[in-house]
N, C-alpha and C. Protein backbone atom coordinates (compact mmCIF):
# COMPACT_ATOMS: atom_id res chain seq x y z
N MET A 1 25.44 -62.86 124.79
CA MET A 1 25.54 -61.35 125.31
C MET A 1 26.40 -60.79 124.43
N SER A 2 27.15 -61.64 124.51
CA SER A 2 28.00 -59.74 124.01
C SER A 2 28.30 -60.13 122.12
N GLY A 3 27.07 -60.65 121.81
CA GLY A 3 26.74 -60.84 120.33
C GLY A 3 25.64 -59.58 120.41
N SER A 4 24.72 -59.26 121.17
CA SER A 4 23.78 -58.50 121.40
C SER A 4 24.49 -57.05 121.50
N LYS A 5 25.13 -56.87 122.05
CA LYS A 5 26.17 -55.41 122.16
C LYS A 5 26.64 -54.84 121.53
N ASN A 6 27.00 -55.78 120.22
CA ASN A 6 27.66 -55.19 119.16
C ASN A 6 26.69 -54.97 117.99
N ARG A 7 26.00 -55.75 117.97
CA ARG A 7 24.48 -55.17 117.06
C ARG A 7 24.54 -53.80 117.10
N PRO A 8 23.85 -53.13 117.87
CA PRO A 8 23.71 -51.96 118.31
C PRO A 8 24.30 -51.06 117.94
N ALA A 9 25.78 -51.21 118.27
CA ALA A 9 26.97 -50.47 117.99
C ALA A 9 27.40 -50.51 116.75
N LEU A 10 27.03 -51.67 115.69
CA LEU A 10 27.49 -51.52 114.29
C LEU A 10 26.13 -50.96 113.63
N GLY A 11 25.03 -51.19 114.11
CA GLY A 11 23.86 -50.07 113.89
C GLY A 11 24.47 -48.84 114.10
N ALA A 12 24.48 -48.10 115.48
CA ALA A 12 24.64 -46.69 115.33
C ALA A 12 25.49 -46.06 114.38
N LEU A 13 26.68 -46.79 114.28
CA LEU A 13 28.14 -46.65 113.55
C LEU A 13 27.58 -46.36 112.16
N PHE A 14 26.52 -47.33 111.86
CA PHE A 14 26.46 -47.25 110.30
C PHE A 14 25.44 -45.67 110.73
N PHE A 15 24.12 -45.74 110.66
CA PHE A 15 23.70 -44.59 111.04
C PHE A 15 24.41 -43.78 110.96
N PHE A 16 25.40 -43.01 111.59
CA PHE A 16 26.56 -41.68 111.83
C PHE A 16 26.84 -41.48 110.71
N ALA A 17 27.93 -42.90 110.24
CA ALA A 17 28.76 -42.45 109.06
C ALA A 17 27.87 -42.22 108.03
N LEU A 18 26.30 -42.84 107.50
CA LEU A 18 25.49 -42.43 106.91
C LEU A 18 25.15 -41.22 106.83
N ALA A 19 24.86 -40.59 108.19
CA ALA A 19 24.44 -39.00 107.99
C ALA A 19 25.71 -38.50 107.90
N LEU A 20 27.01 -38.84 108.01
CA LEU A 20 28.39 -37.92 107.76
C LEU A 20 28.52 -37.76 106.42
N VAL A 21 28.41 -38.62 105.53
CA VAL A 21 28.79 -39.10 104.01
C VAL A 21 27.27 -37.93 103.80
N LEU A 22 26.13 -38.06 103.83
CA LEU A 22 25.18 -37.54 103.46
C LEU A 22 25.09 -36.07 103.64
N GLY A 23 25.80 -35.66 104.63
CA GLY A 23 25.94 -34.28 105.35
C GLY A 23 27.54 -33.46 104.46
N GLY A 24 27.79 -34.36 104.14
CA GLY A 24 29.34 -33.81 103.32
C GLY A 24 28.44 -33.43 102.37
N TYR A 25 28.11 -34.53 101.73
CA TYR A 25 27.66 -34.70 100.01
C TYR A 25 26.70 -32.92 99.57
N PHE A 26 25.88 -32.87 101.02
CA PHE A 26 24.98 -31.78 100.81
C PHE A 26 25.70 -30.65 101.09
N THR A 27 26.46 -30.58 101.48
CA THR A 27 27.20 -28.89 102.11
C THR A 27 28.51 -29.45 100.43
N PHE A 28 29.08 -30.07 100.18
CA PHE A 28 29.56 -30.19 98.95
C PHE A 28 28.83 -29.10 97.76
N ALA A 29 27.83 -30.19 97.74
CA ALA A 29 26.76 -29.60 96.50
C ALA A 29 26.08 -28.20 97.06
N ALA A 30 26.19 -27.45 98.39
CA ALA A 30 25.83 -26.38 98.55
C ALA A 30 26.56 -25.40 98.23
N VAL A 31 27.82 -26.04 98.05
CA VAL A 31 29.03 -24.78 97.91
C VAL A 31 29.26 -24.62 96.36
N GLN A 32 29.45 -25.81 96.30
CA GLN A 32 30.36 -26.36 94.68
C GLN A 32 29.02 -26.69 93.52
N GLY A 33 27.90 -26.73 93.37
CA GLY A 33 26.75 -27.46 92.82
C GLY A 33 26.26 -26.67 92.24
N ASP A 34 25.88 -26.94 90.80
CA ASP A 34 24.72 -25.73 90.10
C ASP A 34 24.34 -24.64 90.42
N TYR A 35 23.40 -24.79 91.91
CA TYR A 35 22.73 -23.75 92.71
C TYR A 35 23.55 -23.14 93.92
N GLY A 36 25.21 -23.34 93.69
CA GLY A 36 25.84 -23.14 94.83
C GLY A 36 26.18 -22.14 94.97
N VAL A 37 26.88 -21.72 96.13
CA VAL A 37 27.24 -20.53 96.60
C VAL A 37 28.48 -19.87 95.47
N PHE A 38 29.54 -20.85 95.16
CA PHE A 38 30.26 -20.76 93.45
C PHE A 38 29.80 -20.00 92.73
N ARG A 39 28.58 -20.79 92.19
CA ARG A 39 27.69 -20.66 91.01
C ARG A 39 27.56 -19.23 91.18
N ARG A 40 26.53 -18.81 92.44
CA ARG A 40 25.71 -17.61 92.34
C ARG A 40 26.95 -16.51 91.98
N VAL A 41 28.20 -16.15 92.51
CA VAL A 41 29.30 -15.31 92.67
C VAL A 41 29.53 -15.44 91.44
N GLN A 42 29.62 -16.41 90.74
CA GLN A 42 30.23 -16.60 89.12
C GLN A 42 28.93 -16.03 87.95
N LEU A 43 27.80 -16.02 88.51
CA LEU A 43 26.46 -15.99 87.83
C LEU A 43 26.68 -13.93 88.24
N SER A 44 26.74 -13.92 89.27
CA SER A 44 26.37 -12.55 89.97
C SER A 44 27.70 -11.55 88.79
N ALA A 45 28.69 -11.89 88.99
CA ALA A 45 29.78 -11.78 88.45
C ALA A 45 29.60 -11.39 86.85
N GLU A 46 29.24 -12.41 85.76
CA GLU A 46 29.22 -12.31 84.38
C GLU A 46 27.61 -11.40 84.30
N ALA A 47 26.53 -11.38 85.40
CA ALA A 47 25.82 -10.57 84.91
C ALA A 47 26.41 -9.01 84.82
N GLU A 48 26.96 -8.88 86.06
CA GLU A 48 27.82 -7.51 86.06
C GLU A 48 28.50 -7.27 84.39
N GLN A 49 29.47 -8.21 84.33
CA GLN A 49 30.06 -7.77 83.08
C GLN A 49 29.28 -7.82 81.84
N LEU A 50 28.10 -8.43 81.58
CA LEU A 50 27.15 -7.99 80.38
C LEU A 50 26.85 -7.10 81.06
N THR A 51 26.17 -6.10 81.95
CA THR A 51 25.28 -5.16 81.94
C THR A 51 26.11 -4.27 81.76
N ASP A 52 27.61 -4.32 81.83
CA ASP A 52 28.60 -3.05 81.01
C ASP A 52 28.99 -3.47 79.82
N GLU A 53 28.50 -4.71 79.26
CA GLU A 53 28.82 -4.51 77.82
C GLU A 53 27.48 -4.01 76.72
N ARG A 54 26.44 -4.29 77.82
CA ARG A 54 25.19 -3.75 77.22
C ARG A 54 25.28 -2.14 77.21
N ASP A 55 25.45 -1.60 78.02
CA ASP A 55 25.68 -0.11 78.44
C ASP A 55 26.83 0.16 77.55
N ARG A 56 27.86 -0.18 76.99
CA ARG A 56 28.69 0.07 76.12
C ARG A 56 28.45 -0.01 74.85
N LEU A 57 27.61 -0.82 74.17
CA LEU A 57 26.81 -0.94 73.16
C LEU A 57 25.98 -0.50 72.64
N ARG A 58 25.34 0.14 74.03
CA ARG A 58 23.98 1.26 73.90
C ARG A 58 24.45 2.34 73.34
N LEU A 59 25.54 3.07 74.21
CA LEU A 59 26.54 4.45 73.94
C LEU A 59 26.92 4.29 72.47
N GLU A 60 27.40 2.57 72.03
CA GLU A 60 28.29 2.97 70.62
C GLU A 60 26.95 2.84 69.66
N VAL A 61 25.88 2.27 69.72
CA VAL A 61 24.87 2.57 69.38
C VAL A 61 24.55 3.98 68.81
N ALA A 62 24.16 4.59 70.13
CA ALA A 62 23.45 6.25 69.77
C ALA A 62 24.68 6.82 69.30
N ARG A 63 26.04 6.49 69.23
CA ARG A 63 26.89 7.93 68.46
C ARG A 63 26.34 7.10 67.02
N MET A 64 26.56 5.87 66.20
CA MET A 64 26.15 5.68 65.02
C MET A 64 24.89 5.68 64.78
N GLU A 65 24.12 6.28 65.33
CA GLU A 65 22.73 6.96 64.85
C GLU A 65 22.77 8.36 65.01
N ASN A 66 23.62 9.07 65.66
CA ASN A 66 23.69 10.62 65.59
C ASN A 66 24.88 10.60 64.14
N LEU A 67 25.40 10.03 63.64
CA LEU A 67 26.26 9.92 62.91
C LEU A 67 25.53 9.77 61.39
N THR A 68 24.77 8.89 61.50
CA THR A 68 23.88 8.19 60.19
C THR A 68 23.00 9.60 60.27
N LEU A 69 22.31 10.28 61.12
CA LEU A 69 21.83 11.46 61.23
C LEU A 69 21.81 12.36 60.39
N ARG A 70 23.23 12.58 60.80
CA ARG A 70 23.73 13.88 60.42
C ARG A 70 24.33 13.46 59.19
N LEU A 71 24.21 12.24 58.44
CA LEU A 71 24.94 12.44 56.84
C LEU A 71 23.48 11.47 56.47
N SER A 72 22.35 11.96 56.86
CA SER A 72 21.17 11.81 55.77
C SER A 72 21.09 12.51 55.02
N ASP A 73 19.81 12.30 54.17
CA ASP A 73 19.59 13.10 52.86
C ASP A 73 18.79 14.38 53.66
N ASP A 74 18.11 14.13 55.50
CA ASP A 74 17.10 14.98 55.50
C ASP A 74 18.04 15.99 56.70
N TYR A 75 18.86 15.87 56.88
CA TYR A 75 19.93 16.91 57.69
C TYR A 75 21.55 16.25 57.37
N LEU A 76 22.18 17.01 56.20
CA LEU A 76 23.71 16.82 55.88
C LEU A 76 24.52 18.05 56.42
N ASP A 77 25.25 17.41 57.47
CA ASP A 77 26.28 18.06 58.30
C ASP A 77 27.58 18.03 57.32
N LEU A 78 28.33 19.28 56.80
CA LEU A 78 28.83 19.26 55.30
C LEU A 78 30.53 18.76 56.52
N ASP A 79 30.68 19.46 57.39
CA ASP A 79 31.94 19.12 58.03
C ASP A 79 32.29 17.62 58.05
N LEU A 80 30.85 17.05 58.95
CA LEU A 80 31.37 15.38 59.20
C LEU A 80 31.38 15.06 57.63
N LEU A 81 31.02 15.12 56.46
CA LEU A 81 30.88 14.66 55.31
C LEU A 81 32.24 14.90 54.64
N ASP A 82 33.04 16.30 55.03
CA ASP A 82 33.88 16.51 54.58
C ASP A 82 35.13 15.46 55.05
N GLU A 83 35.09 15.20 56.47
CA GLU A 83 35.63 14.74 57.44
C GLU A 83 35.93 13.25 56.84
N ARG A 84 34.49 12.84 56.80
CA ARG A 84 34.73 10.97 56.63
C ARG A 84 35.31 10.88 55.15
N ALA A 85 35.21 11.76 54.09
CA ALA A 85 35.58 11.76 52.37
C ALA A 85 37.14 11.51 52.93
N ARG A 86 37.75 12.46 53.45
CA ARG A 86 39.01 12.40 53.77
C ARG A 86 39.61 11.38 54.29
N ALA A 87 39.23 10.81 55.15
CA ALA A 87 39.45 9.68 55.68
C ALA A 87 39.52 8.33 55.50
N THR A 88 38.08 8.74 54.85
CA THR A 88 38.14 7.20 53.75
C THR A 88 39.08 7.19 52.23
N LEU A 89 38.93 8.44 51.90
CA LEU A 89 39.60 8.45 50.51
C LEU A 89 41.17 8.73 50.23
N GLY A 90 41.17 9.97 51.92
CA GLY A 90 42.78 10.13 51.72
C GLY A 90 43.07 11.48 51.14
N LEU A 91 41.87 11.91 51.30
CA LEU A 91 41.92 13.47 50.13
C LEU A 91 42.44 14.71 51.00
N VAL A 92 42.81 15.40 50.06
CA VAL A 92 43.39 16.41 51.09
C VAL A 92 43.75 17.74 49.90
N ARG A 93 43.05 19.07 50.25
CA ARG A 93 43.32 20.31 49.29
C ARG A 93 43.92 20.60 49.19
N GLY A 94 44.24 21.15 48.56
CA GLY A 94 45.62 22.52 47.37
C GLY A 94 45.78 22.97 48.61
N ASP A 95 45.24 23.83 49.42
CA ASP A 95 45.80 25.00 50.22
C ASP A 95 46.22 24.12 51.68
N GLU A 96 46.45 22.92 51.58
CA GLU A 96 46.80 22.32 53.10
C GLU A 96 47.82 21.80 53.13
N ILE A 97 48.17 22.00 54.77
CA ILE A 97 49.64 21.42 54.73
C ILE A 97 49.65 20.33 55.52
N VAL A 98 50.15 18.83 55.42
CA VAL A 98 50.24 17.93 55.69
C VAL A 98 50.95 17.25 56.31
N ILE A 99 50.98 16.78 57.42
CA ILE A 99 52.03 16.73 58.47
C ILE A 99 51.86 15.52 58.94
N ARG A 100 52.88 14.72 58.61
CA ARG A 100 52.72 13.02 59.32
C ARG A 100 54.04 12.57 59.97
């Protein structure tokens, strides 16, 4: 009789141990896994960073398009051309004073 009492107790113990292990595994996967909470926060931060970089690059492209237009054959900005020539070639007019 004592043998039959131990079997259900071992089966129930095994069932609860398995349920605990599976619960722990799925909880860990939900928090740390590829689609878990931490990964979602990481992806959100990365998306925000990439959005900021995209906006910065759009501003840079707009600035460069403006400079390109101002130096094109159709519309030539002489002040910008003079500025670029001085910065690139290091030129100075004879009547100017250079302070370094």
